[in-house]
Amino acid sequence: MKIIVIIFLLLILASLGSALYFLVTDRGQSRRTVTALALRVGLSVTLFLLLIAGYYFGLIPGKVS
């Protein structure tokens, strides 16, 4: 589960970086920035749902004593 979370975080950061790159290079002339940011939001929501599912199915412990 840890590897999946790390991979998703890296993908989110890569999408955010590509959105910044497209914002600077395209100067608002294309929709690539919006697409990259939408992808980032989708990845973030997916990660959130995976974390909730992992907690629900016991893959992620709730409390450590």
Protein backbone atom coordinates (compact mmCIF):
# COMPACT_ATOMS: atom_id res chain seq x y z
CA MET A 1 0.00 0.00 0.00
CA LYS A 2 2.89 2.35 0.76
CA ILE A 3 4.34 1.94 -2.72
CA ILE A 4 0.97 2.72 -4.33
CA VAL A 5 0.62 5.90 -2.26
CA ILE A 6 4.16 6.99 -3.14
CA ILE A 7 3.55 6.33 -6.84
CA PHE A 8 0.32 8.36 -6.76
CA LEU A 9 2.07 11.24 -4.98
CA LEU A 10 4.83 11.24 -7.60
CA LEU A 11 2.25 11.22 -10.40
CA ILE A 12 0.41 14.12 -8.75
CA LEU A 13 3.65 16.12 -8.49
CA ALA A 14 4.54 15.31 -12.11
CA SER A 15 1.12 16.48 -13.28
CA LEU A 16 1.46 19.68 -11.26
CA GLY A 17 4.92 20.28 -12.75
CA SER A 18 3.69 19.72 -16.28
CA ALA A 19 0.81 22.13 -15.66
CA LEU A 20 3.30 24.77 -14.53
CA TYR A 21 5.46 24.11 -17.60
CA PHE A 22 2.46 24.40 -19.94
CA LEU A 23 1.31 27.57 -18.19
CA VAL A 24 4.70 29.22 -18.73
CA THR A 25 5.38 28.02 -22.27
CA ASP A 26 1.89 28.25 -23.82
CA ARG A 27 0.98 31.61 -22.25
CA GLY A 28 -2.69 30.68 -22.07
CA GLN A 29 -3.03 29.76 -25.74
CA SER A 30 -3.86 26.07 -25.24
CA ARG A 31 -5.86 23.90 -22.89
CA ARG A 32 -2.93 21.71 -21.85
CA THR A 33 -2.66 23.46 -18.48
CA VAL A 34 -6.31 22.79 -17.70
CA THR A 35 -5.95 19.17 -18.77
CA ALA A 36 -2.90 18.64 -16.57
CA LEU A 37 -4.63 20.23 -13.58
CA ALA A 38 -7.75 18.14 -14.16
CA LEU A 39 -5.57 15.03 -14.24
CA ARG A 40 -4.00 16.11 -10.94
CA VAL A 41 -7.42 16.51 -9.34
CA GLY A 42 -8.47 13.09 -10.63
CA LEU A 43 -5.33 11.48 -9.25
CA SER A 44 -5.82 13.20 -5.90
CA VAL A 45 -9.43 12.02 -5.61
CA THR A 46 -8.40 8.51 -6.60
CA LEU A 47 -5.65 8.49 -3.97
CA PHE A 48 -8.11 9.72 -1.35
CA LEU A 49 -10.58 6.96 -2.24
CA LEU A 50 -7.82 4.34 -2.16
CA LEU A 51 -6.78 5.50 1.31
CA ILE A 52 -10.37 5.30 2.53
CA ALA A 53 -10.76 1.82 1.02
CA GLY A 54 -7.45 0.71 2.55
CA TYR A 55 -8.59 1.85 5.97
CA TYR A 56 -12.00 0.22 5.56
CA PHE A 57 -10.54 -3.16 4.52
CA GLY A 58 -7.88 -3.08 7.23
CA LEU A 59 -4.85 -2.53 5.03
CA ILE A 60 -4.12 0.70 6.90
CA PRO A 61 -4.28 0.51 10.70
CA GLY A 62 -6.46 3.13 12.36
CA LYS A 63 -4.58 3.55 15.64
CA VAL A 64 -1.14 2.54 16.72
CA SER A 65 -0.88 1.91 20.46
